[in-house]
């Protein structure tokens, strides 16, 4: 019975991730418009745009290789598998044993590589510049993430997400300073990974090369829908990851049954709403940073992650 409950919880989790991802992207777009004094499209408009794009045939560049049609499917598949590993309303789902932070980092790296290859395959200057810029930022973002993973491994004895969330909920909050530094580092890394930094244009409409938005400019039709779904799913994944690590309360166990799942779902939605509101406020209030300052921001995230690890090693050594 427990195995069946884990499978059902996993399938429900995947369905919720797919359904909520475009709504979250639409909600952030609407919230940013309201904070800027505009009316904005309703949050469900993102789903309408996706369905419209899925009915259109993609237009490929004249000299595009098979990389262009394969890349969006590969990126979406890698992101969907990563999203399946991040606990949402319940822990202990069918793939809970595979929910490793290192595996999660590898899957997100595959999706980012697919996006960069597709941008360079089109042969346009803006896509290539966006790919080069993202590769440069990854040099700081990935080590910062891995240092945070190392800190969680020391703190909880492993890198499994379910076990880490359970340990943090049960008492690891005594290490407040290392956790606060890891949170600050992961926030910066998450902003960079999702193209939500103040210099970025998530829609790819600004005149300079704008990272991930620029890399999607050559996509159209069904391929553009896949890229947009992948970006929305990645954003929901990151918010769920932050909620699982730093707001672990309220999450049900997969074996507890539908009533506990409903309670966990309400807690998960509340945490996602809180994080989405904070992200929307940051996007609306932060001034645009010069692109040359982005490595400094991610370098600061790397330093914070390193300091958190050092403080944790000192605290555990003294204990």
Protein backbone atom coordinates (compact mmCIF):
# COMPACT_ATOMS: atom_id res chain seq x y z
CA UNK A 1 0.00 0.00 0.00
CA UNK A 2 2.84 2.38 0.81
CA UNK A 3 4.39 1.78 -2.62
CA UNK A 4 1.07 2.53 -4.34
CA UNK A 5 0.65 5.69 -2.25
CA UNK A 6 4.12 6.84 -3.25
CA UNK A 7 3.36 6.30 -6.94
CA UNK A 8 0.02 8.12 -6.71
CA UNK A 9 1.62 11.01 -4.82
CA UNK A 10 4.39 11.20 -7.45
CA UNK A 11 1.91 11.31 -10.34
CA UNK A 12 -0.17 13.97 -8.58
CA UNK A 13 2.98 15.98 -7.89
CA UNK A 14 3.98 15.90 -11.57
CA UNK A 15 0.49 16.92 -12.68
CA UNK A 16 0.48 19.83 -10.23
CA UNK A 17 3.94 20.98 -11.33
CA UNK A 18 2.88 21.00 -14.99
CA UNK A 19 -0.38 22.79 -14.23
CA UNK A 20 1.04 25.37 -11.83
CA UNK A 21 4.21 26.31 -13.73
CA UNK A 22 2.56 28.51 -16.41
CA UNK A 23 0.18 29.95 -13.80
CA UNK A 24 3.16 30.97 -11.66
CA UNK A 25 4.84 32.66 -14.63
CA UNK A 26 1.59 34.45 -15.46
CA UNK A 27 1.12 35.46 -11.83
CA UNK A 28 4.59 37.02 -11.69
CA UNK A 29 3.93 38.86 -14.96
CA UNK A 30 0.61 40.17 -13.61
CA UNK A 31 2.14 41.12 -10.25
CA UNK A 32 4.98 43.03 -11.91
CA UNK A 33 2.46 44.94 -14.05
CA UNK A 34 0.31 45.83 -11.04
CA UNK A 35 3.31 47.03 -9.05
CA UNK A 36 4.30 49.23 -12.00
CA UNK A 37 0.83 50.77 -12.20
CA UNK A 38 -0.38 48.76 -15.21
CA UNK A 39 -3.37 46.45 -15.43
CA UNK A 40 -1.55 43.42 -16.81
CA UNK A 41 -2.86 40.21 -18.32
CA UNK A 42 -4.54 37.68 -15.97
CA UNK A 43 -2.30 34.89 -14.68
CA UNK A 44 -4.05 32.23 -16.80
CA UNK A 45 -3.07 34.11 -19.97
CA UNK A 46 0.22 32.20 -19.91
CA UNK A 47 -1.68 28.94 -20.45
CA UNK A 48 -3.60 30.50 -23.34
CA UNK A 49 -0.36 31.63 -24.98
CA UNK A 50 1.13 28.16 -24.63
CA UNK A 51 -1.88 26.44 -26.19
CA UNK A 52 -1.84 28.93 -29.05
CA UNK A 53 1.86 28.34 -29.72
CA UNK A 54 1.47 24.56 -29.55
CA UNK A 55 -0.88 24.71 -32.55
CA UNK A 56 1.72 26.51 -34.71
CA UNK A 57 4.50 24.93 -36.73
CA UNK A 58 8.03 26.12 -35.81
CA UNK A 59 10.09 28.08 -38.31
CA UNK A 60 13.71 26.93 -38.40
CA UNK A 61 16.79 28.79 -39.53
CA UNK A 62 17.98 27.89 -43.02
CA UNK A 63 21.17 26.19 -41.88
CA UNK A 64 19.89 24.84 -38.56
CA UNK A 65 21.11 21.39 -37.57
CA UNK A 66 19.06 18.69 -35.79
CA UNK A 67 20.13 20.34 -32.53
CA UNK A 68 17.46 23.03 -32.93
CA UNK A 69 14.39 20.71 -32.94
CA UNK A 70 15.89 18.27 -30.39
CA UNK A 71 17.07 20.84 -27.82
CA UNK A 72 13.66 22.05 -26.51
CA UNK A 73 12.45 18.48 -25.97
CA UNK A 74 15.70 17.51 -24.20
CA UNK A 75 15.63 20.61 -21.99
CA UNK A 76 11.99 20.11 -21.04
CA UNK A 77 12.56 16.42 -20.28
CA UNK A 78 15.55 17.17 -18.04
CA UNK A 79 13.67 19.93 -16.23
CA UNK A 80 10.58 17.76 -15.78
CA UNK A 81 12.67 14.98 -14.25
CA UNK A 82 14.32 17.50 -11.94
CA UNK A 83 10.89 18.87 -10.97
CA UNK A 84 9.75 15.33 -10.15
CA UNK A 85 12.61 15.02 -7.65
CA UNK A 86 11.82 18.20 -5.68
CA UNK A 87 9.19 17.51 -2.99
CA UNK A 88 6.12 19.71 -3.10
CA UNK A 89 3.11 18.79 -0.99
CA UNK A 90 4.56 15.45 0.18
CA UNK A 91 7.81 13.66 0.95
CA UNK A 92 8.62 10.02 0.37
CA UNK A 93 7.16 9.83 -3.14
CA UNK A 94 8.11 7.11 -5.62
CA UNK A 95 11.22 9.00 -6.78
CA UNK A 96 12.10 10.25 -3.29
CA UNK A 97 15.12 7.97 -3.09
CA UNK A 98 16.56 9.60 -6.23
CA UNK A 99 15.89 13.16 -5.03
CA UNK A 100 19.56 14.08 -4.68
CA UNK A 101 20.78 17.67 -4.83
CA UNK A 102 23.75 16.69 -6.99
CA UNK A 103 21.49 14.91 -9.49
CA UNK A 104 19.26 17.97 -9.49
CA UNK A 105 22.22 20.21 -10.33
CA UNK A 106 23.24 17.89 -13.18
CA UNK A 107 19.75 17.85 -14.72
CA UNK A 108 19.49 21.64 -14.61
CA UNK A 109 22.95 21.86 -16.22
CA UNK A 110 21.74 19.60 -19.05
CA UNK A 111 18.75 21.87 -19.66
CA UNK A 112 20.96 24.96 -19.66
CA UNK A 113 23.37 23.30 -22.09
CA UNK A 114 20.51 22.41 -24.45
CA UNK A 115 19.34 26.03 -24.44
CA UNK A 116 22.84 27.34 -25.16
CA UNK A 117 23.36 24.84 -28.00
CA UNK A 118 20.04 25.79 -29.59
CA UNK A 119 20.92 29.50 -29.37
CA UNK A 120 24.31 28.99 -31.00
CA UNK A 121 22.89 26.63 -33.63
CA UNK A 122 20.66 29.43 -34.97
CA UNK A 123 23.80 31.42 -35.80
CA UNK A 124 22.51 34.83 -34.71
CA UNK A 125 24.67 37.32 -32.84
CA UNK A 126 22.18 37.94 -30.04
CA UNK A 127 21.63 34.26 -29.29
CA UNK A 128 25.37 33.56 -29.26
CA UNK A 129 26.00 36.53 -26.96
CA UNK A 130 23.27 35.33 -24.63
CA UNK A 131 24.75 31.83 -24.57
CA UNK A 132 28.23 33.19 -23.84
CA UNK A 133 26.87 35.38 -21.06
CA UNK A 134 25.02 32.49 -19.44
CA UNK A 135 28.13 30.31 -19.62
CA UNK A 136 30.12 33.05 -17.91
CA UNK A 137 27.56 33.40 -15.11
CA UNK A 138 27.45 29.63 -14.62
CA UNK A 139 31.12 29.73 -13.60
CA UNK A 140 30.03 31.47 -10.40
CA UNK A 141 26.52 30.06 -9.94
CA UNK A 142 27.36 26.36 -10.09
CA UNK A 143 30.24 26.44 -7.53
CA UNK A 144 28.02 28.47 -5.18
CA UNK A 145 25.26 25.87 -5.49
CA UNK A 146 27.70 23.01 -4.90
CA UNK A 147 29.10 24.70 -1.80
CA UNK A 148 25.55 24.99 -0.45
CA UNK A 149 25.03 21.30 -1.22
CA UNK A 150 28.20 20.51 0.72
CA UNK A 151 26.92 22.54 3.67
CA UNK A 152 23.61 20.65 3.68
CA UNK A 153 25.49 17.35 3.45
CA UNK A 154 27.53 18.24 6.54
CA UNK A 155 24.47 19.52 8.37
CA UNK A 156 22.11 16.63 7.65
CA UNK A 157 24.43 13.74 6.75
CA UNK A 158 23.47 13.47 3.08
CA UNK A 159 22.28 15.24 -0.06
CA UNK A 160 18.85 13.61 -0.37
CA UNK A 161 16.15 16.29 -0.46
CA UNK A 162 13.61 14.35 1.57
CA UNK A 163 16.13 13.57 4.31
CA UNK A 164 17.50 17.12 4.27
CA UNK A 165 14.05 18.69 4.64
CA UNK A 166 13.15 16.29 7.44
CA UNK A 167 16.39 17.01 9.31
CA UNK A 168 15.97 20.76 8.96
CA UNK A 169 12.41 20.51 10.23
CA UNK A 170 13.43 18.45 13.23
CA UNK A 171 16.17 20.67 14.64
CA UNK A 172 19.00 21.68 12.34
CA UNK A 173 17.72 25.26 12.54
CA UNK A 174 20.12 25.71 15.44
CA UNK A 175 22.71 26.59 12.77
CA UNK A 176 20.98 29.84 11.87
CA UNK A 177 23.96 31.77 10.48
CA UNK A 178 25.18 29.08 8.02
CA UNK A 179 21.59 28.53 6.87
CA UNK A 180 21.04 32.25 6.38
CA UNK A 181 24.21 32.52 4.29
CA UNK A 182 23.20 29.46 2.25
CA UNK A 183 19.75 30.98 1.70
CA UNK A 184 21.26 34.25 0.44
CA UNK A 185 23.57 32.35 -1.90
CA UNK A 186 20.80 30.12 -3.26
CA UNK A 187 18.55 33.13 -3.83
CA UNK A 188 21.19 34.76 -6.02
CA UNK A 189 21.89 31.48 -7.84
CA UNK A 190 18.17 30.90 -8.36
CA UNK A 191 17.70 34.38 -9.80
CA UNK A 192 20.57 33.80 -12.21
CA UNK A 193 19.40 30.32 -13.17
CA UNK A 194 15.93 31.60 -14.05
CA UNK A 195 16.97 34.79 -15.82
CA UNK A 196 15.25 36.92 -13.15
CA UNK A 197 18.20 39.18 -12.30
CA UNK A 198 17.50 42.94 -12.60
CA UNK A 199 19.43 43.15 -15.86
CA UNK A 200 17.55 40.25 -17.41
CA UNK A 201 14.45 40.45 -19.56
CA UNK A 202 12.70 37.08 -19.14
CA UNK A 203 10.68 37.71 -22.30
CA UNK A 204 13.76 38.50 -24.39
CA UNK A 205 12.38 41.83 -25.62
CA UNK A 206 15.05 44.30 -24.55
CA UNK A 207 17.60 45.59 -27.02
CA UNK A 208 20.82 44.14 -25.46
CA UNK A 209 21.52 40.45 -25.34
CA UNK A 210 19.56 39.46 -22.24
CA UNK A 211 20.72 35.98 -21.39
CA UNK A 212 18.03 33.33 -21.50
CA UNK A 213 15.47 35.60 -23.13
CA UNK A 214 17.89 36.34 -25.96
CA UNK A 215 18.61 32.64 -26.47
CA UNK A 216 14.92 31.96 -27.09
CA UNK A 217 14.43 34.71 -29.67
CA UNK A 218 14.97 32.38 -32.64
CA UNK A 219 12.40 29.84 -31.44
CA UNK A 220 8.85 29.91 -32.74
CA UNK A 221 5.65 27.90 -32.72
CA UNK A 222 5.71 24.61 -30.88
CA UNK A 223 9.41 24.95 -30.04
CA UNK A 224 8.82 28.32 -28.37
CA UNK A 225 5.98 26.80 -26.34
CA UNK A 226 8.34 24.07 -25.11
CA UNK A 227 10.99 26.63 -24.15
CA UNK A 228 8.43 28.75 -22.30
CA UNK A 229 7.09 25.72 -20.48
CA UNK A 230 10.63 24.69 -19.56
CA UNK A 231 11.40 28.16 -18.19
CA UNK A 232 8.18 28.24 -16.15
CA UNK A 233 8.77 24.74 -14.82
CA UNK A 234 12.35 25.65 -13.85
CA UNK A 235 11.12 28.69 -11.92
CA UNK A 236 8.53 26.62 -10.04
CA UNK A 237 11.23 24.02 -9.35
CA UNK A 238 13.51 26.61 -7.76
CA UNK A 239 10.75 28.07 -5.59
CA UNK A 240 9.76 24.57 -4.49
CA UNK A 241 13.41 23.78 -3.73
CA UNK A 242 13.75 26.88 -1.54
CA UNK A 243 10.48 26.00 0.21
CA UNK A 244 11.62 22.39 0.80
CA UNK A 245 14.97 23.47 2.24
CA UNK A 246 14.14 26.61 4.22
CA UNK A 247 10.38 26.31 4.84
CA UNK A 248 10.07 22.55 5.45
CA UNK A 249 7.01 22.75 7.70
CA UNK A 250 3.59 21.53 6.60
CA UNK A 251 4.82 18.89 4.14
CA UNK A 252 2.92 15.61 4.37
CA UNK A 253 4.29 12.09 4.07
CA UNK A 254 3.27 10.15 0.98
CA UNK A 255 1.98 7.29 3.16
CA UNK A 256 -0.37 9.56 5.15
CA UNK A 257 -3.17 9.52 2.60
CA UNK A 258 -5.29 12.09 0.73
CA UNK A 259 -6.31 14.15 3.75
CA UNK A 260 -2.70 14.78 4.70
CA UNK A 261 -1.93 15.48 1.04
CA UNK A 262 -4.61 18.16 0.96
CA UNK A 263 -3.10 19.82 4.03
CA UNK A 264 0.38 19.59 2.52
CA UNK A 265 -0.92 21.04 -0.75
CA UNK A 266 -2.36 24.07 1.03
CA UNK A 267 0.94 24.61 2.85
CA UNK A 268 2.91 24.24 -0.40
CA UNK A 269 0.70 26.72 -2.23
CA UNK A 270 1.02 29.19 0.65
CA UNK A 271 4.82 28.92 0.57
CA UNK A 272 4.89 29.30 -3.21
CA UNK A 273 2.66 32.36 -2.97
CA UNK A 274 4.91 33.93 -0.35
CA UNK A 275 8.06 33.31 -2.41
CA UNK A 276 6.38 34.51 -5.61
CA UNK A 277 5.30 37.72 -3.88
CA UNK A 278 8.86 38.32 -2.67
CA UNK A 279 10.21 37.66 -6.16
CA UNK A 280 7.66 39.98 -7.77
CA UNK A 281 8.50 42.76 -5.32
CA UNK A 282 12.22 42.33 -5.98
CA UNK A 283 11.70 42.48 -9.76
CA UNK A 284 9.56 45.60 -9.52
CA UNK A 285 11.64 47.51 -6.98
CA UNK A 286 15.22 46.69 -7.86
CA UNK A 287 16.90 49.04 -10.29
CA UNK A 288 18.54 47.53 -13.34
CA UNK A 289 22.13 46.62 -12.70
CA UNK A 290 24.80 47.07 -15.39
CA UNK A 291 25.60 43.67 -16.96
CA UNK A 292 29.22 44.00 -15.88
CA UNK A 293 28.08 43.88 -12.24
CA UNK A 294 26.40 40.48 -12.54
CA UNK A 295 29.61 38.46 -12.06
CA UNK A 296 30.22 40.52 -8.92
CA UNK A 297 26.76 39.65 -7.61
CA UNK A 298 27.25 35.94 -8.24
CA UNK A 299 30.78 36.18 -6.89
CA UNK A 300 29.23 37.54 -3.70
CA UNK A 301 26.87 34.56 -3.68
CA UNK A 302 29.88 32.25 -4.01
CA UNK A 303 31.59 34.03 -1.11
CA UNK A 304 28.46 33.77 1.06
CA UNK A 305 28.18 30.05 0.33
CA UNK A 306 31.85 29.58 1.23
CA UNK A 307 31.46 31.56 4.46
CA UNK A 308 28.39 29.52 5.39
CA UNK A 309 30.37 26.32 4.86
CA UNK A 310 33.29 27.62 6.95
CA UNK A 311 31.00 28.70 9.80
CA UNK A 312 29.25 25.33 9.69
CA UNK A 313 32.56 23.46 9.84
CA UNK A 314 33.63 25.59 12.81
CA UNK A 315 30.29 25.08 14.59
CA UNK A 316 30.27 21.32 14.07
CA UNK A 317 33.93 21.10 15.05
CA UNK A 318 33.32 23.00 18.27
CA UNK A 319 30.29 20.88 19.03
